[in-house]
PDB file of N, CA and C in Angstrom:
ATOM      1  N   MET A   1      66.458  41.116 113.278  1.00  0.00           N
ATOM      2  CA  MET A   1      67.631  40.568 112.631  1.00  0.00           C
ATOM      3  C   MET A   1      68.461  41.458 113.729  1.00  0.00           C
ATOM      4  N   GLY A   2      70.004  41.159 113.701  1.00  0.00           N
ATOM      5  CA  GLY A   2      71.295  42.382 114.266  1.00  0.00           C
ATOM      6  C   GLY A   2      71.674  42.795 113.622  1.00  0.00           C
ATOM      7  N   ALA A   3      73.040  43.309 114.274  1.00  0.00           N
ATOM      8  CA  ALA A   3      73.874  43.833 114.068  1.00  0.00           C
ATOM      9  C   ALA A   3      74.780  43.575 114.377  1.00  0.00           C
ATOM     10  N   ARG A   4      76.164  43.410 113.495  1.00  0.00           N
ATOM     11  CA  ARG A   4      78.043  43.276 114.341  1.00  0.00           C
ATOM     12  C   ARG A   4      78.347  44.714 114.078  1.00  0.00           C
ATOM     13  N   VAL A   5      78.996  44.807 115.517  1.00  0.00           N
ATOM     14  CA  VAL A   5      79.757  45.727 116.005  1.00  0.00           C
ATOM     15  C   VAL A   5      81.436  45.497 115.401  1.00  0.00           C
ATOM     16  N   LEU A   6      81.801  46.278 114.201  1.00  0.00           N
ATOM     17  CA  LEU A   6      83.031  46.472 113.747  1.00  0.00           C
ATOM     18  C   LEU A   6      83.680  47.067 114.619  1.00  0.00           C
ATOM     19  N   GLU A   7      83.910  48.262 114.573  1.00  0.00           N
ATOM     20  CA  GLU A   7      84.190  49.291 115.764  1.00  0.00           C
ATOM     21  C   GLU A   7      83.414  50.472 116.289  1.00  0.00           C
ATOM     22  N   ARG A   8      84.564  50.750 117.680  1.00  0.00           N
ATOM     23  CA  ARG A   8      83.729  52.069 118.171  1.00  0.00           C
ATOM     24  C   ARG A   8      84.544  53.097 118.471  1.00  0.00           C
ATOM     25  N   PHE A   9      84.154  54.259 118.543  1.00  0.00           N
ATOM     26  CA  PHE A   9      84.247  55.223 118.162  1.00  0.00           C
ATOM     27  C   PHE A   9      84.353  56.944 118.801  1.00  0.00           C
ATOM     28  N   PRO A  10      84.793  57.158 120.274  1.00  0.00           N
ATOM     29  CA  PRO A  10      83.679  58.078 120.952  1.00  0.00           C
ATOM     30  C   PRO A  10      83.578  59.323 119.982  1.00  0.00           C
ATOM     31  N   ALA A  11      82.509  59.848 120.932  1.00  0.00           N
ATOM     32  CA  ALA A  11      81.895  61.479 119.347  1.00  0.00           C
ATOM     33  C   ALA A  11      82.573  61.926 120.374  1.00  0.00           C
ATOM     34  N   GLY A  12      83.237  62.119 120.610  1.00  0.00           N
ATOM     35  CA  GLY A  12      84.463  63.327 120.253  1.00  0.00           C
ATOM     36  C   GLY A  12      85.609  63.887 119.740  1.00  0.00           C
ATOM     37  N   ALA A  13      85.158  63.635 119.346  1.00  0.00           N
ATOM     38  CA  ALA A  13      85.983  63.787 117.737  1.00  0.00           C
ATOM     39  C   ALA A  13      86.564  64.973 117.783  1.00  0.00           C
ATOM     40  N   PRO A  14      87.825  66.265 116.903  1.00  0.00           N
ATOM     41  CA  PRO A  14      87.792  67.411 116.713  1.00  0.00           C
ATOM     42  C   PRO A  14      87.046  67.465 115.549  1.00  0.00           C
ATOM     43  N   ARG A  15      86.360  68.807 116.006  1.00  0.00           N
ATOM     44  CA  ARG A  15      85.433  68.881 114.993  1.00  0.00           C
ATOM     45  C   ARG A  15      85.905  68.909 113.255  1.00  0.00           C
ATOM     46  N   GLY A  16      85.327  68.687 112.323  1.00  0.00           N
ATOM     47  CA  GLY A  16      85.664  67.950 111.182  1.00  0.00           C
ATOM     48  C   GLY A  16      86.361  67.374 110.745  1.00  0.00           C
ATOM     49  N   SER A  17      86.578  66.355 111.575  1.00  0.00           N
ATOM     50  CA  SER A  17      87.365  64.941 111.868  1.00  0.00           C
ATOM     51  C   SER A  17      85.945  63.965 112.549  1.00  0.00           C
ATOM     52  N   TRP A  18      86.332  62.844 110.897  1.00  0.00           N
ATOM     53  CA  TRP A  18      84.922  61.568 111.221  1.00  0.00           C
ATOM     54  C   TRP A  18      85.511  60.425 111.359  1.00  0.00           C
ATOM     55  N   PRO A  19      86.174  60.082 112.611  1.00  0.00           N
ATOM     56  CA  PRO A  19      87.146  58.765 111.939  1.00  0.00           C
ATOM     57  C   PRO A  19      85.567  57.441 112.065  1.00  0.00           C
ATOM     58  N   ALA A  20      84.425  57.985 112.522  1.00  0.00           N
ATOM     59  CA  ALA A  20      83.380  56.410 112.264  1.00  0.00           C
ATOM     60  C   ALA A  20      83.058  56.346 111.071  1.00  0.00           C
ATOM     61  N   GLU A  21      82.748  57.375 110.007  1.00  0.00           N
ATOM     62  CA  GLU A  21      82.520  57.409 108.623  1.00  0.00           C
ATOM     63  C   GLU A  21      83.661  57.358 107.980  1.00  0.00           C
ATOM     64  N   GLU A  22      84.663  57.628 108.252  1.00  0.00           N
ATOM     65  CA  GLU A  22      85.927  57.179 107.559  1.00  0.00           C
ATOM     66  C   GLU A  22      86.361  55.978 107.156  1.00  0.00           C
ATOM     67  N   TYR A  23      86.112  55.058 109.087  1.00  0.00           N
ATOM     68  CA  TYR A  23      86.084  54.088 108.622  1.00  0.00           C
ATOM     69  C   TYR A  23      85.155  53.024 108.210  1.00  0.00           C
ATOM     70  N   ALA A  24      84.279  53.281 108.122  1.00  0.00           N
ATOM     71  CA  ALA A  24      83.309  53.195 107.840  1.00  0.00           C
ATOM     72  C   ALA A  24      83.350  52.747 105.661  1.00  0.00           C
ATOM     73  N   ALA A  25      83.916  53.766 105.069  1.00  0.00           N
ATOM     74  CA  ALA A  25      83.988  53.935 104.035  1.00  0.00           C
ATOM     75  C   ALA A  25      85.066  53.042 103.818  1.00  0.00           C
ATOM     76  N   ARG A  26      85.825  52.710 104.303  1.00  0.00           N
ATOM     77  CA  ARG A  26      87.239  51.458 104.087  1.00  0.00           C
ATOM     78  C   ARG A  26      86.710  50.502 104.226  1.00  0.00           C
ATOM     79  N   CYS A  27      85.708  50.296 104.995  1.00  0.00           N
ATOM     80  CA  CYS A  27      85.210  48.722 105.623  1.00  0.00           C
ATOM     81  C   CYS A  27      84.262  48.535 103.540  1.00  0.00           C
ATOM     82  N   ARG A  28      83.563  49.390 103.812  1.00  0.00           N
ATOM     83  CA  ARG A  28      82.297  49.266 102.529  1.00  0.00           C
ATOM     84  C   ARG A  28      83.292  49.247 100.725  1.00  0.00           C
ATOM     85  N   ALA A  29      84.036  49.973 101.032  1.00  0.00           N
ATOM     86  CA  ALA A  29      85.341  49.885  99.865  1.00  0.00           C
ATOM     87  C   ALA A  29      86.248  48.150  99.758  1.00  0.00           C
ATOM     88  N   GLU A  30      85.653  47.167 100.837  1.00  0.00           N
ATOM     89  CA  GLU A  30      86.604  46.150 100.617  1.00  0.00           C
ATOM     90  C   GLU A  30      84.813  45.001 101.058  1.00  0.00           C
ATOM     91  N   GLY A  31      84.088  45.658 100.421  1.00  0.00           N
ATOM     92  CA  GLY A  31      82.724  45.048 100.227  1.00  0.00           C
ATOM     93  C   GLY A  31      81.853  44.822 101.548  1.00  0.00           C
ATOM     94  N   GLU A  32      82.214  45.260 102.406  1.00  0.00           N
ATOM     95  CA  GLU A  32      81.756  45.203 103.764  1.00  0.00           C
ATOM     96  C   GLU A  32      80.063  45.865 103.661  1.00  0.00           C
ATOM     97  N   ARG A  33      79.006  45.658 104.057  1.00  0.00           N
ATOM     98  CA  ARG A  33      77.812  46.595 104.000  1.00  0.00           C
ATOM     99  C   ARG A  33      77.769  47.380 106.156  1.00  0.00           C
ATOM    100  N   ALA A  34      79.248  48.253 105.510  1.00  0.00           N
ATOM    101  CA  ALA A  34      79.040  48.841 106.828  1.00  0.00           C
ATOM    102  C   ALA A  34      78.325  49.959 107.039  1.00  0.00           C
ATOM    103  N   THR A  35      77.871  50.609 108.530  1.00  0.00           N
ATOM    104  CA  THR A  35      77.019  52.187 108.594  1.00  0.00           C
ATOM    105  C   THR A  35      77.059  52.402 110.076  1.00  0.00           C
ATOM    106  N   VAL A  36      77.550  53.384 109.796  1.00  0.00           N
ATOM    107  CA  VAL A  36      77.979  53.856 110.902  1.00  0.00           C
ATOM    108  C   VAL A  36      76.226  54.887 112.615  1.00  0.00           C
ATOM    109  N   VAL A  37      76.343  54.062 113.000  1.00  0.00           N
ATOM    110  CA  VAL A  37      75.203  54.479 114.029  1.00  0.00           C
ATOM    111  C   VAL A  37      75.629  55.292 115.059  1.00  0.00           C
ATOM    112  N   MET A  38      74.473  55.979 116.314  1.00  0.00           N
ATOM    113  CA  MET A  38      75.211  56.375 117.519  1.00  0.00           C
ATOM    114  C   MET A  38      74.893  55.721 118.411  1.00  0.00           C
ATOM    115  N   ASP A  39      75.510  55.164 119.157  1.00  0.00           N
ATOM    116  CA  ASP A  39      74.743  54.152 120.639  1.00  0.00           C
ATOM    117  C   ASP A  39      75.184  55.580 121.885  1.00  0.00           C
ATOM    118  N   LEU A  40      73.818  56.552 121.734  1.00  0.00           N
ATOM    119  CA  LEU A  40      73.785  57.305 122.792  1.00  0.00           C
ATOM    120  C   LEU A  40      74.126  56.542 124.306  1.00  0.00           C
ATOM    121  N   GLY A  41      73.600  55.483 124.761  1.00  0.00           N
ATOM    122  CA  GLY A  41      73.860  55.074 125.986  1.00  0.00           C
ATOM    123  C   GLY A  41      76.287  55.239 126.338  1.00  0.00           C
ATOM    124  N   SER A  42      76.319  54.895 124.897  1.00  0.00           N
ATOM    125  CA  SER A  42      77.347  55.456 125.584  1.00  0.00           C
ATOM    126  C   SER A  42      78.249  56.203 124.840  1.00  0.00           C
ATOM    127  N   ASP A  43      78.160  57.444 124.129  1.00  0.00           N
ATOM    128  CA  ASP A  43      78.030  58.233 123.500  1.00  0.00           C
ATOM    129  C   ASP A  43      79.242  58.389 122.641  1.00  0.00           C
ATOM    130  N   ALA A  44      79.057  56.997 121.623  1.00  0.00           N
ATOM    131  CA  ALA A  44      79.948  56.913 120.818  1.00  0.00           C
ATOM    132  C   ALA A  44      79.135  55.650 119.504  1.00  0.00           C
ATOM    133  N   PHE A  45      79.714  56.783 118.193  1.00  0.00           N
ATOM    134  CA  PHE A  45      79.076  56.434 117.243  1.00  0.00           C
ATOM    135  C   PHE A  45      80.389  54.535 116.988  1.00  0.00           C
ATOM    136  N   LEU A  46      79.224  53.457 116.295  1.00  0.00           N
ATOM    137  CA  LEU A  46      79.177  52.272 116.088  1.00  0.00           C
ATOM    138  C   LEU A  46      79.535  52.252 114.758  1.00  0.00           C
ATOM    139  N   VAL A  47      80.482  51.461 113.813  1.00  0.00           N
ATOM    140  CA  VAL A  47      80.577  50.928 112.746  1.00  0.00           C
ATOM    141  C   VAL A  47      79.958  49.437 112.995  1.00  0.00           C
ATOM    142  N   VAL A  48      78.568  49.430 112.977  1.00  0.00           N
ATOM    143  CA  VAL A  48      77.868  48.057 112.002  1.00  0.00           C
ATOM    144  C   VAL A  48      78.107  47.389 110.848  1.00  0.00           C
ATOM    145  N   VAL A  49      77.292  46.295 110.588  1.00  0.00           N
ATOM    146  CA  VAL A  49      77.014  45.866 109.086  1.00  0.00           C
ATOM    147  C   VAL A  49      76.286  44.706 109.990  1.00  0.00           C
ATOM    148  N   PRO A  50      75.180  44.175 109.150  1.00  0.00           N
ATOM    149  CA  PRO A  50      73.943  42.817 109.171  1.00  0.00           C
ATOM    150  C   PRO A  50      74.447  41.899 109.575  1.00  0.00           C
ATOM    151  N   GLY A  51      74.095  41.203 110.829  1.00  0.00           N
ATOM    152  CA  GLY A  51      74.341  40.048 111.199  1.00  0.00           C
ATOM    153  C   GLY A  51      74.295  40.133 112.484  1.00  0.00           C
ATOM    154  N   SER A  52      75.333  38.941 113.116  1.00  0.00           N
ATOM    155  CA  SER A  52      75.387  39.209 114.684  1.00  0.00           C
ATOM    156  C   SER A  52      76.908  38.845 115.179  1.00  0.00           C
ATOM    157  N   ASP A  53      76.997  38.864 116.236  1.00  0.00           N
ATOM    158  CA  ASP A  53      78.862  38.877 116.673  1.00  0.00           C
ATOM    159  C   ASP A  53      78.983  37.531 116.363  1.00  0.00           C
ATOM    160  N   ASP A  54      77.922  36.527 116.516  1.00  0.00           N
ATOM    161  CA  ASP A  54      78.527  35.031 116.213  1.00  0.00           C
ATOM    162  C   ASP A  54      79.263  34.811 114.633  1.00  0.00           C
ATOM    163  N   ASP A  55      78.420  35.726 113.772  1.00  0.00           N
ATOM    164  CA  ASP A  55      78.977  35.664 112.578  1.00  0.00           C
ATOM    165  C   ASP A  55      80.369  36.466 111.963  1.00  0.00           C
ATOM    166  N   ARG A  56      81.058  36.431 113.030  1.00  0.00           N
ATOM    167  CA  ARG A  56      82.096  37.537 112.903  1.00  0.00           C
ATOM    168  C   ARG A  56      83.219  36.289 113.061  1.00  0.00           C
ATOM    169  N   PRO A  57      84.171  36.570 111.599  1.00  0.00           N
ATOM    170  CA  PRO A  57      85.285  35.731 111.778  1.00  0.00           C
ATOM    171  C   PRO A  57      86.451  35.561 112.693  1.00  0.00           C
ATOM    172  N   PRO A  58      87.123  34.709 113.307  1.00  0.00           N
ATOM    173  CA  PRO A  58      87.742  34.072 114.792  1.00  0.00           C
ATOM    174  C   PRO A  58      89.251  35.218 114.191  1.00  0.00           C
ATOM    175  N   SER A  59      89.553  35.557 112.819  1.00  0.00           N
ATOM    176  CA  SER A  59      90.395  36.603 112.881  1.00  0.00           C
ATOM    177  C   SER A  59      90.364  37.982 113.080  1.00  0.00           C
ATOM    178  N   ALA A  60      88.957  38.591 112.714  1.00  0.00           N
ATOM    179  CA  ALA A  60      88.338  39.294 112.985  1.00  0.00           C
ATOM    180  C   ALA A  60      88.284  39.957 114.489  1.00  0.00           C
ATOM    181  N   ALA A  61      88.407  38.673 115.388  1.00  0.00           N
ATOM    182  CA  ALA A  61      87.752  39.386 116.727  1.00  0.00           C
ATOM    183  C   ALA A  61      88.986  40.527 117.480  1.00  0.00           C
ATOM    184  N   GLY A  62      89.933  39.992 117.249  1.00  0.00           N
ATOM    185  CA  GLY A  62      90.904  40.736 117.963  1.00  0.00           C
ATOM    186  C   GLY A  62      91.158  42.083 117.282  1.00  0.00           C
ATOM    187  N   ALA A  63      90.910  42.471 115.790  1.00  0.00           N
ATOM    188  CA  ALA A  63      91.275  43.825 114.760  1.00  0.00           C
ATOM    189  C   ALA A  63      90.370  44.797 116.111  1.00  0.00           C
ATOM    190  N   SER A  64      91.260  45.933 115.790  1.00  0.00           N
ATOM    191  CA  SER A  64      90.569  47.130 116.037  1.00  0.00           C
ATOM    192  C   SER A  64      91.703  48.454 115.105  1.00  0.00           C
ATOM    193  N   ALA A  65      90.660  48.823 114.215  1.00  0.00           N
ATOM    194  CA  ALA A  65      90.819  50.495 113.909  1.00  0.00           C
ATOM    195  C   ALA A  65      92.058  50.929 114.423  1.00  0.00           C
ATOM    196  N   GLY A  66      93.373  51.775 113.601  1.00  0.00           N
ATOM    197  CA  GLY A  66      93.726  52.375 114.114  1.00  0.00           C
ATOM    198  C   GLY A  66      95.011  51.492 115.509  1.00  0.00           C
ATOM    199  N   LYS A  67      94.803  50.804 115.830  1.00  0.00           N
ATOM    200  CA  LYS A  67      95.747  49.606 116.801  1.00  0.00           C
ATOM    201  C   LYS A  67      96.477  49.006 115.817  1.00  0.00           C
TER     202      LYS A  67
END
């Protein structure tokens, strides 16, 4: 089983700020099974859903949170 990355957030957010968790909550509100994981290699939080990158719809390929 793989995971599809929806968005990446740097780990250096200001204290009390949880942008990855907030984005995941919005995704869950829209019906996605989003969770947040830490990628230690890149020092970033990833919002992921079950599946693979091949499952990502073409319209979402260029989408990004906060842009």
